[in-house]
Amino acid sequence: MARLVAIGNSRGLRIPSSLIKLANLDECELDFEVVDDGLLIKTKKHKSRTGWLEFMQKSGLIDQGEIEFTSNKFDEKEWTWPST
């Protein structure tokens, strides 16, 4: 069973470690959704490619801090931009 505990002017949810392990919630971000009969707690879904740059840098796959995107002939001839 989880309990609400006072944390300043707010409330915190104290979840037993056994439930955290069973739900694989160790060190993950959580999303909360209000449902008809309570509160649904889910692991936060990350956007695609989140953390790829950092992973590639740590893995030594790229040396620089930024990835440079170069244009090609298609970019130069085929794309048109509205004038402002």
Protein backbone atom coordinates (compact mmCIF):
# COMPACT_ATOMS: atom_id res chain seq x y z
CA MET A 1 0.00 0.00 0.00
CA ALA A 2 1.22 3.51 -0.82
CA ARG A 3 0.75 6.49 1.49
CA LEU A 4 0.46 10.23 0.97
CA VAL A 5 2.85 12.16 3.19
CA ALA A 6 3.13 15.88 3.87
CA ILE A 7 5.98 17.65 2.06
CA GLY A 8 5.71 21.36 2.85
CA ASN A 9 2.39 22.57 1.46
CA SER A 10 2.17 19.60 -0.90
CA ARG A 11 1.78 15.86 -0.58
CA GLY A 12 4.16 13.15 -1.68
CA LEU A 13 3.42 9.57 -2.56
CA ARG A 14 5.43 7.02 -0.61
CA ILE A 15 5.60 3.80 -2.63
CA PRO A 16 7.09 0.65 -1.10
CA SER A 17 10.35 -0.40 -2.74
CA SER A 18 8.90 -3.84 -3.54
CA LEU A 19 6.25 -2.22 -5.78
CA ILE A 20 8.86 0.02 -7.39
CA LYS A 21 10.95 -3.03 -8.29
CA LEU A 22 7.94 -4.99 -9.57
CA ALA A 23 6.86 -2.09 -11.81
CA ASN A 24 10.41 -1.30 -12.97
CA LEU A 25 10.11 2.30 -11.77
CA ASP A 26 13.68 2.72 -10.48
CA GLU A 27 15.13 6.05 -11.62
CA CYS A 28 12.53 6.83 -14.26
CA GLU A 29 10.30 9.83 -14.82
CA LEU A 30 6.61 9.36 -14.19
CA ASP A 31 3.44 10.72 -15.79
CA PHE A 32 0.23 11.05 -13.83
CA GLU A 33 -3.24 10.81 -15.31
CA VAL A 34 -6.47 11.47 -13.44
CA VAL A 35 -8.98 8.69 -14.13
CA ASP A 36 -12.56 8.16 -12.95
CA ASP A 37 -11.64 6.25 -9.84
CA GLY A 38 -8.22 7.65 -8.97
CA LEU A 39 -4.79 8.41 -10.32
CA LEU A 40 -2.93 6.39 -12.94
CA ILE A 41 0.87 6.44 -12.67
CA LYS A 42 2.83 5.52 -15.80
CA THR A 43 6.43 5.73 -16.87
CA LYS A 44 7.05 8.79 -18.98
CA LYS A 45 7.39 8.12 -22.67
CA HIS A 46 10.38 9.89 -24.13
CA LYS A 47 10.40 11.37 -27.59
CA SER A 48 12.21 9.48 -30.30
CA ARG A 49 15.92 10.12 -30.49
CA THR A 50 16.07 11.65 -27.01
CA GLY A 51 19.63 11.37 -25.79
CA TRP A 52 21.11 10.14 -29.08
CA LEU A 53 23.62 12.96 -29.34
CA GLU A 54 24.88 12.37 -25.79
CA PHE A 55 25.08 8.62 -26.41
CA MET A 56 27.06 9.11 -29.61
CA GLN A 57 29.46 11.51 -27.88
CA LYS A 58 30.01 9.15 -24.93
CA SER A 59 30.49 6.20 -27.29
CA GLY A 60 33.09 8.09 -29.31
CA LEU A 61 31.00 7.87 -32.47
CA ILE A 62 31.29 11.63 -32.91
CA ASP A 63 33.96 13.96 -31.58
CA GLN A 64 32.31 17.33 -31.85
CA GLY A 65 29.66 18.88 -29.65
CA GLU A 66 27.26 19.41 -32.52
CA ILE A 67 26.27 17.45 -35.57
CA GLU A 68 26.68 19.47 -38.73
CA PHE A 69 24.09 19.04 -41.43
CA THR A 70 25.35 19.72 -44.92
CA SER A 71 23.15 20.57 -47.86
CA ASN A 72 23.26 18.83 -51.19
CA LYS A 73 22.16 19.76 -54.72
CA PHE A 74 18.61 18.62 -54.01
CA ASP A 75 18.42 21.04 -51.08
CA GLU A 76 19.75 23.90 -53.16
CA LYS A 77 17.47 23.40 -56.20
CA GLU A 78 14.28 21.68 -55.05
CA TRP A 79 13.36 23.49 -51.86
CA THR A 80 11.62 26.82 -52.13
CA TRP A 81 10.81 29.08 -49.23
CA PRO A 82 8.05 31.67 -49.15
CA SER A 83 9.29 35.23 -49.04
CA THR A 84 8.35 37.24 -45.98
